[in-house]
Amino acid sequence: MERRELRAALGAAGVPDGYYRIEGVHEPVPTPPDFLYLRKAPDGVWETGAYERGRYEVIGRHPDEAAACAHLLRLLV
């Protein structure tokens, strides 16, 4: 699964848009005060985590986009 497929799966599952941010695919405006996220780290590893109270907290680091998408899907559905 890649990021656009993840976005479609979350929409089909009825997950509200403000619950998550997927870098380059789904970046809600205005930015919610807290959400789960998927992004590519500067070192090339994919990260999933939580943004809360102005801070990003990494929950998992993944070797590829597919693994990161699967993890975020499990966290939200």
Protein backbone atom coordinates (compact mmCIF):
# COMPACT_ATOMS: atom_id res chain seq x y z
CA MET A 1 0.00 0.00 0.00
CA GLU A 2 1.21 3.49 -0.77
CA ARG A 3 0.11 6.82 0.70
CA ARG A 4 -2.71 7.55 -1.75
CA GLU A 5 -4.14 4.08 -1.24
CA LEU A 6 -3.91 4.59 2.51
CA ARG A 7 -5.84 7.87 2.21
CA ALA A 8 -8.56 6.09 0.24
CA ALA A 9 -8.72 3.22 2.77
CA LEU A 10 -9.04 5.62 5.70
CA GLY A 11 -11.78 7.53 3.90
CA ALA A 12 -13.65 4.30 3.14
CA ALA A 13 -13.35 3.28 6.79
CA GLY A 14 -14.92 6.59 7.86
CA VAL A 15 -11.87 7.92 9.73
CA PRO A 16 -12.36 11.71 10.13
CA ASP A 17 -9.93 13.87 8.13
CA GLY A 18 -8.67 15.68 11.22
CA TYR A 19 -7.41 12.50 12.88
CA TYR A 20 -4.37 12.08 10.62
CA ARG A 21 -1.83 13.72 8.33
CA ILE A 22 -0.12 11.93 5.46
CA GLU A 23 2.82 13.90 4.11
CA GLY A 24 2.25 15.05 0.54
CA VAL A 25 -1.19 13.44 0.31
CA HIS A 26 -3.45 14.62 3.13
CA GLU A 27 -2.46 17.71 5.09
CA PRO A 28 -5.59 19.18 6.71
CA VAL A 29 -6.01 22.96 6.88
CA PRO A 30 -6.24 24.35 9.45
CA THR A 31 -3.85 21.99 11.18
CA PRO A 32 -5.65 20.05 13.93
CA PRO A 33 -4.29 20.41 17.49
CA ASP A 34 -3.42 16.70 17.61
CA PHE A 35 -3.30 13.90 15.03
CA LEU A 36 -1.45 10.78 13.93
CA TYR A 37 0.98 11.19 11.04
CA LEU A 38 3.04 9.47 8.39
CA ARG A 39 6.11 11.20 6.98
CA LYS A 40 9.50 10.52 5.45
CA ALA A 41 12.34 11.41 7.81
CA PRO A 42 15.45 13.25 6.60
CA ASP A 43 17.43 9.99 6.81
CA GLY A 44 15.03 8.34 4.32
CA VAL A 45 13.19 6.15 6.83
CA TRP A 46 9.40 6.40 7.03
CA GLU A 47 7.95 7.44 10.38
CA THR A 48 4.54 7.12 11.98
CA GLY A 49 3.73 9.02 15.09
CA ALA A 50 1.56 11.41 17.02
CA TYR A 51 1.49 15.19 17.01
CA GLU A 52 0.24 16.56 20.28
CA ARG A 53 0.62 19.88 22.07
CA GLY A 54 2.98 21.21 19.42
CA ARG A 55 5.34 18.22 19.48
CA TYR A 56 5.94 15.34 17.12
CA GLU A 57 6.48 11.97 18.83
CA VAL A 58 7.70 9.12 16.67
CA ILE A 59 5.87 5.85 17.38
CA GLY A 60 7.49 3.75 14.67
CA ARG A 61 10.25 3.87 12.06
CA HIS A 62 9.74 1.78 8.95
CA PRO A 63 12.05 0.64 6.14
CA ASP A 64 9.56 1.49 3.39
CA GLU A 65 6.37 3.36 2.60
CA ALA A 66 4.23 0.20 2.54
CA ALA A 67 5.18 -0.77 6.10
CA ALA A 68 4.54 2.76 7.36
CA CYS A 69 1.13 2.89 5.64
CA ALA A 70 0.15 -0.46 7.15
CA HIS A 71 1.13 0.76 10.61
CA LEU A 72 -0.84 4.00 10.37
CA LEU A 73 -3.86 2.08 9.08
CA ARG A 74 -3.69 -0.25 12.11
CA LEU A 75 -3.46 2.73 14.44
CA LEU A 76 -6.54 4.41 12.97
CA VAL A 77 -8.93 1.60 12.09
